[in-house]
Amino acid sequence: MLAIVAPGQGAQTPGFLSSWLDDPEFASLIADYSEACGLDLAHFGTQADAETIRDTAIAQPLLVGAGLAVAARLGAEADVVAGHSVGELAALALAGVVTATDALTLVRERGLAMADASALRRTSMTAVIGGDRDEVLAAIAGAGLTAANNNGSGQIVAAGTVEELEALAAEPPRRARLIPLSVAGAFHTVHMAPAVDRLAAAAAQVQVSDPGTRLLSNADGAVVASGRDALDRVIAQVANPVRWDLCMATMAELGVTGLLELPPSGTLTGIAKRNLKGVELFSLNTPDQLADAAEFCRTHRQSA
């Protein structure tokens, strides 16, 4: 059983699309997606520096556009699709809930709304690696922070004000390592509440269909059968924690044997390596991997 997953914000690196732009079909798709979101994705994926693409309003469309363009070039159908945080909008398009163009329109509004919410107060996120799970959660709560991303064994992301994150850094959980993330706000917390209504208004204009394949929700890891429910969940998720641990638990229950991560990949395959024992992983990052990626998908895809 094949799962295809899309990464979330923080996975982007300068120039990660450089090798892909030599592919005419990919370049054409990126041009279409750039028009849909009003950003030059080719420029931001090849020439912009790390600080520029850290901007929420740029990073989110860049990630979704890149993932969908690569998925189109791969041309593989999955048995399960899921996305981490903003990657959920890519997953909605892969499952046929919304068109790729609508996904880019929505992600542009999502990015702008979350950037505006982030500007209201200095907030950010820090990954907590290792440590005892209960002790980590207690330390996060004790600092007044939210466990905004629960990414399974060994990784929980704390989010909140800069001052709260500094307090956590001053008294970190035992045997845990703290890594500040390249994001510009406390995503998936109450600090993003102003963005929810704005995204909901944009989503009301979008036509949705029910998923054509199993689509997992960040809210609780559930397989979502209704397109409207799936989109509503993605909207609410802006201000609520991501339960990627539960998404992986559902993948295990369904019997996933192979997981392919779309570019810029490495984050979700790294998490899966620790949590989905026995599942074969493919981290797709460059066009010269397409043939091997397609073969990987054929090997693990269940018969239609």
Protein backbone atom coordinates (compact mmCIF):
# COMPACT_ATOMS: atom_id res chain seq x y z
CA MET A 1 0.00 0.00 0.00
CA LEU A 2 1.42 3.36 -1.11
CA ALA A 3 1.25 6.63 0.81
CA ILE A 4 2.29 9.92 -0.80
CA VAL A 5 2.87 12.77 1.63
CA ALA A 6 3.58 16.51 1.32
CA PRO A 7 5.82 18.38 3.79
CA GLY A 8 4.99 21.51 5.72
CA GLN A 9 6.58 24.89 6.26
CA GLY A 10 10.18 24.83 7.39
CA ALA A 11 11.13 22.14 4.85
CA GLN A 12 12.05 24.73 2.20
CA THR A 13 15.70 25.43 1.39
CA PRO A 14 17.22 27.98 -1.03
CA GLY A 15 17.40 26.71 -4.60
CA PHE A 16 15.51 23.47 -4.01
CA LEU A 17 13.69 23.82 -7.35
CA SER A 18 16.80 24.61 -9.43
CA SER A 19 17.19 21.17 -11.02
CA TRP A 20 13.45 20.87 -11.72
CA LEU A 21 13.21 24.01 -13.87
CA ASP A 22 15.20 22.30 -16.63
CA ASP A 23 12.15 20.06 -17.14
CA PRO A 24 9.81 21.87 -19.60
CA GLU A 25 6.65 20.20 -18.28
CA PHE A 26 7.53 21.10 -14.70
CA ALA A 27 8.42 24.65 -15.69
CA SER A 28 5.06 25.03 -17.43
CA LEU A 29 3.18 23.81 -14.36
CA ILE A 30 5.10 26.14 -12.07
CA ALA A 31 4.26 29.03 -14.39
CA ASP A 32 0.54 28.15 -14.17
CA TYR A 33 0.72 27.81 -10.39
CA SER A 34 2.60 31.12 -10.14
CA GLU A 35 -0.25 32.82 -11.96
CA ALA A 36 -2.81 31.19 -9.66
CA CYS A 37 -1.13 32.45 -6.48
CA GLY A 38 0.30 35.69 -7.79
CA LEU A 39 3.92 34.81 -6.96
CA ASP A 40 6.91 33.93 -9.13
CA LEU A 41 7.46 30.47 -7.71
CA ALA A 42 10.31 29.71 -10.10
CA HIS A 43 12.22 32.71 -8.78
CA PHE A 44 11.57 31.93 -5.12
CA GLY A 45 12.47 28.27 -5.62
CA THR A 46 15.76 28.98 -7.34
CA GLN A 47 17.17 32.43 -6.57
CA ALA A 48 15.69 33.66 -3.27
CA ASP A 49 17.70 33.36 -0.06
CA ALA A 50 16.70 31.54 3.10
CA GLU A 51 15.33 34.62 4.84
CA THR A 52 13.13 35.51 1.87
CA ILE A 53 11.53 32.07 1.62
CA ARG A 54 11.09 31.98 5.39
CA ASP A 55 8.30 34.53 4.87
CA THR A 56 5.05 32.66 5.50
CA ALA A 57 3.29 34.34 2.57
CA ILE A 58 6.01 33.02 0.23
CA ALA A 59 6.95 29.71 1.82
CA GLN A 60 3.46 28.22 1.83
CA PRO A 61 2.58 28.72 -1.88
CA LEU A 62 6.12 27.67 -2.81
CA LEU A 63 5.81 24.37 -0.94
CA VAL A 64 2.35 23.51 -2.25
CA GLY A 65 3.18 24.53 -5.82
CA ALA A 66 6.39 22.52 -5.81
CA GLY A 67 4.73 19.43 -4.38
CA LEU A 68 1.85 19.46 -6.84
CA ALA A 69 4.08 20.09 -9.85
CA VAL A 70 6.37 17.21 -8.90
CA ALA A 71 3.39 14.95 -8.22
CA ALA A 72 2.07 15.74 -11.69
CA ARG A 73 5.43 14.84 -13.24
CA LEU A 74 5.54 11.63 -11.21
CA GLY A 75 2.06 10.71 -12.40
CA ALA A 76 1.53 8.05 -9.73
CA GLU A 77 -1.70 7.35 -7.90
CA ALA A 78 -1.54 6.64 -4.18
CA ASP A 79 -3.61 4.50 -1.85
CA VAL A 80 -3.26 7.10 0.91
CA VAL A 81 -2.40 10.81 0.77
CA ALA A 82 -1.61 13.20 3.59
CA GLY A 83 0.12 16.50 4.14
CA HIS A 84 1.80 18.02 7.14
CA SER A 85 0.36 21.43 8.04
CA VAL A 86 0.24 23.50 4.81
CA GLY A 87 1.01 20.26 2.99
CA GLU A 88 -2.62 19.33 3.65
CA LEU A 89 -3.66 21.67 0.82
CA ALA A 90 -1.41 19.74 -1.55
CA ALA A 91 -2.95 16.52 -0.24
CA LEU A 92 -6.47 17.86 -0.89
CA ALA A 93 -5.54 18.46 -4.52
CA LEU A 94 -3.86 15.05 -4.85
CA ALA A 95 -7.05 13.44 -3.51
CA GLY A 96 -9.21 15.40 -5.96
CA VAL A 97 -11.01 17.44 -3.30
CA VAL A 98 -9.95 20.72 -4.93
CA THR A 99 -8.16 21.53 -8.17
CA ALA A 100 -4.46 22.35 -8.12
CA THR A 101 -5.31 25.92 -9.15
CA ASP A 102 -7.78 26.31 -6.27
CA ALA A 103 -5.23 24.83 -3.87
CA LEU A 104 -2.75 27.53 -4.94
CA THR A 105 -5.36 30.25 -4.57
CA LEU A 106 -6.23 29.02 -1.08
CA VAL A 107 -2.63 28.60 0.02
CA ARG A 108 -1.84 32.15 -1.04
CA GLU A 109 -4.69 33.43 1.15
CA ARG A 110 -3.63 31.09 3.98
CA GLY A 111 -0.07 32.34 3.84
CA LEU A 112 -1.07 35.99 3.81
CA ALA A 113 -3.58 35.54 6.62
CA MET A 114 -1.09 33.65 8.80
CA ALA A 115 1.64 36.20 8.06
CA ASP A 116 -0.68 38.99 9.18
CA ALA A 117 -1.58 37.06 12.32
CA SER A 118 2.13 36.48 13.00
CA ALA A 119 2.81 40.21 12.75
CA LEU A 120 0.53 40.94 15.71
CA ARG A 121 3.07 39.55 18.18
CA ARG A 122 6.56 38.02 18.03
CA THR A 123 5.98 34.28 17.97
CA SER A 124 7.80 31.23 16.64
CA MET A 125 8.27 27.46 16.97
CA THR A 126 10.95 25.14 18.33
CA ALA A 127 11.35 21.41 17.74
CA VAL A 128 11.99 19.38 20.88
CA ILE A 129 13.97 16.29 19.93
CA GLY A 130 14.25 13.33 22.30
CA GLY A 131 13.43 13.31 26.00
CA ASP A 132 10.59 11.57 27.80
CA ARG A 133 7.29 12.35 26.06
CA ASP A 134 5.39 13.21 29.24
CA GLU A 135 8.24 15.36 30.53
CA VAL A 136 8.49 17.17 27.18
CA LEU A 137 4.76 17.92 27.13
CA ALA A 138 4.88 19.08 30.74
CA ALA A 139 7.81 21.41 30.01
CA ILE A 140 6.04 22.85 26.98
CA ALA A 141 2.87 23.50 28.95
CA GLY A 142 4.84 24.85 31.89
CA ALA A 143 6.40 27.51 29.67
CA GLY A 144 2.94 28.56 28.47
CA LEU A 145 3.51 27.05 25.04
CA THR A 146 1.40 24.80 22.82
CA ALA A 147 2.50 21.40 21.50
CA ALA A 148 1.63 22.57 18.00
CA ASN A 149 3.05 19.60 16.08
CA ASN A 150 3.07 16.14 17.60
CA ASN A 151 5.29 14.31 15.16
CA GLY A 152 5.55 10.99 16.91
CA SER A 153 8.38 9.40 18.81
CA GLY A 154 11.20 11.81 19.50
CA GLN A 155 9.81 15.03 18.04
CA ILE A 156 7.26 17.49 19.38
CA VAL A 157 7.17 21.11 18.22
CA ALA A 158 6.49 23.83 20.77
CA ALA A 159 4.93 27.10 19.64
CA GLY A 160 4.16 30.41 21.29
CA THR A 161 5.68 33.79 22.01
CA VAL A 162 9.40 34.38 21.70
CA GLU A 163 9.55 34.98 25.44
CA GLU A 164 7.85 31.65 26.17
CA LEU A 165 10.26 29.84 23.85
CA GLU A 166 13.17 31.50 25.62
CA ALA A 167 11.81 30.23 28.92
CA LEU A 168 11.68 26.68 27.52
CA ALA A 169 15.25 27.02 26.25
CA ALA A 170 16.36 28.15 29.69
CA GLU A 171 14.87 25.04 31.32
CA PRO A 172 14.67 22.35 28.63
CA PRO A 173 13.30 18.87 29.30
CA ARG A 174 15.88 16.29 30.35
CA ARG A 175 17.75 14.51 27.54
CA ALA A 176 16.05 16.71 24.93
CA ARG A 177 17.59 18.88 22.21
CA LEU A 178 15.87 22.12 21.13
CA ILE A 179 16.02 23.28 17.50
CA PRO A 180 14.44 26.65 16.56
CA LEU A 181 12.50 26.31 13.30
CA SER A 182 12.68 28.49 10.20
CA VAL A 183 9.14 29.80 10.56
CA ALA A 184 7.78 33.27 11.24
CA GLY A 185 4.99 32.53 13.69
CA ALA A 186 3.36 30.20 16.21
CA PHE A 187 1.38 28.18 13.71
CA HIS A 188 -1.39 25.83 14.87
CA THR A 189 -1.97 27.78 18.07
CA VAL A 190 -4.42 30.39 19.32
CA HIS A 191 -2.10 33.04 17.86
CA MET A 192 -3.37 32.04 14.40
CA ALA A 193 -7.07 32.45 15.24
CA PRO A 194 -7.39 35.69 13.20
CA ALA A 195 -6.42 33.76 10.06
CA VAL A 196 -9.18 31.16 10.34
CA ASP A 197 -12.15 33.33 9.35
CA ARG A 198 -10.20 34.87 6.49
CA LEU A 199 -9.32 31.47 5.05
CA ALA A 200 -12.88 30.24 5.57
CA ALA A 201 -14.19 33.16 3.49
CA ALA A 202 -11.84 32.25 0.63
CA ALA A 203 -12.71 28.56 0.88
CA ALA A 204 -16.43 29.31 0.61
CA GLN A 205 -15.82 30.28 -3.02
CA VAL A 206 -14.17 26.96 -3.91
CA GLN A 207 -15.96 23.97 -5.39
CA VAL A 208 -15.10 20.71 -3.63
CA SER A 209 -15.46 17.02 -4.44
CA ASP A 210 -15.24 14.00 -2.19
CA PRO A 211 -11.77 12.43 -2.03
CA GLY A 212 -10.92 9.92 -4.74
CA THR A 213 -8.43 8.18 -2.48
CA ARG A 214 -7.91 7.83 1.26
CA LEU A 215 -7.16 11.28 2.67
CA LEU A 216 -5.85 11.62 6.22
CA SER A 217 -6.57 14.59 8.48
CA ASN A 218 -3.98 16.34 10.67
CA ALA A 219 -6.69 16.89 13.27
CA ASP A 220 -6.94 13.28 14.39
CA GLY A 221 -5.40 11.05 11.73
CA ALA A 222 -8.85 10.01 10.47
CA VAL A 223 -9.63 9.01 6.90
CA VAL A 224 -11.94 11.78 5.68
CA ALA A 225 -14.68 10.77 3.25
CA SER A 226 -16.34 14.16 2.66
CA GLY A 227 -14.65 16.84 0.60
CA ARG A 228 -16.35 19.67 2.44
CA ASP A 229 -15.41 18.14 5.80
CA ALA A 230 -11.81 17.77 4.59
CA LEU A 231 -11.61 21.44 3.60
CA ASP A 232 -13.27 22.58 6.83
CA ARG A 233 -10.71 20.56 8.80
CA VAL A 234 -7.84 22.20 6.94
CA ILE A 235 -9.25 25.64 7.73
CA ALA A 236 -9.65 24.87 11.44
CA GLN A 237 -6.18 23.30 11.56
CA VAL A 238 -4.58 26.72 11.10
CA ALA A 239 -5.21 27.40 14.80
CA ASN A 240 -5.09 23.85 16.14
CA PRO A 241 -2.27 21.34 16.71
CA VAL A 242 -1.07 18.98 13.97
CA ARG A 243 -1.31 15.33 15.02
CA TRP A 244 1.07 13.78 12.52
CA ASP A 245 1.62 10.98 15.02
CA LEU A 246 -2.01 9.95 14.53
CA CYS A 247 -1.70 10.18 10.75
CA MET A 248 1.20 7.73 10.92
CA ALA A 249 -0.76 5.47 13.26
CA THR A 250 -3.55 5.34 10.67
CA MET A 251 -1.04 4.54 7.92
CA ALA A 252 0.22 1.63 10.02
CA GLU A 253 -3.34 0.41 10.65
CA LEU A 254 -4.16 0.58 6.95
CA GLY A 255 -1.09 -1.48 6.11
CA VAL A 256 1.03 1.09 4.29
CA THR A 257 4.20 -0.58 2.98
CA GLY A 258 5.78 2.33 1.11
CA LEU A 259 5.83 6.09 1.80
CA LEU A 260 7.01 8.65 -0.76
CA GLU A 261 7.60 12.26 0.31
CA LEU A 262 7.27 15.04 -2.25
CA PRO A 263 9.87 17.84 -2.43
CA PRO A 264 11.41 19.40 -0.52
CA SER A 265 11.60 16.02 1.14
CA GLY A 266 13.46 14.55 4.06
CA THR A 267 11.49 15.83 7.03
CA LEU A 268 8.56 13.40 6.88
CA THR A 269 10.63 10.43 5.73
CA GLY A 270 12.95 11.13 8.66
CA ILE A 271 10.01 11.08 11.07
CA ALA A 272 8.61 7.93 9.42
CA LYS A 273 11.97 6.17 9.79
CA ARG A 274 11.59 6.44 13.57
CA ASN A 275 7.87 5.69 13.73
CA LEU A 276 6.87 3.42 10.84
CA LYS A 277 9.19 0.48 11.26
CA GLY A 278 9.29 -1.84 8.27
CA VAL A 279 7.80 0.73 5.87
CA GLU A 280 9.98 1.44 2.82
CA LEU A 281 10.68 5.14 2.31
CA PHE A 282 11.44 7.30 -0.75
CA SER A 283 12.62 10.89 -0.41
CA LEU A 284 12.01 12.55 -3.80
CA ASN A 285 14.05 15.72 -4.36
CA THR A 286 15.46 15.83 -7.89
CA PRO A 287 14.13 15.00 -11.37
CA ASP A 288 16.76 12.31 -11.94
CA GLN A 289 14.92 10.30 -9.26
CA LEU A 290 11.62 10.24 -11.15
CA ALA A 291 12.10 6.84 -12.79
CA ASP A 292 13.07 5.20 -9.51
CA ALA A 293 10.23 6.99 -7.73
CA ALA A 294 7.71 5.73 -10.30
CA GLU A 295 9.00 2.18 -9.86
CA PHE A 296 8.73 2.57 -6.08
CA CYS A 297 5.11 3.64 -6.49
CA ARG A 298 4.30 0.73 -8.80
CA THR A 299 5.83 -1.70 -6.31
CA HIS A 300 3.74 -0.51 -3.39
CA ARG A 301 0.51 0.61 -5.08
CA GLN A 302 -2.41 -1.72 -4.47
CA SER A 303 -4.38 -2.87 -7.50
CA ALA A 304 -7.22 -0.52 -8.38
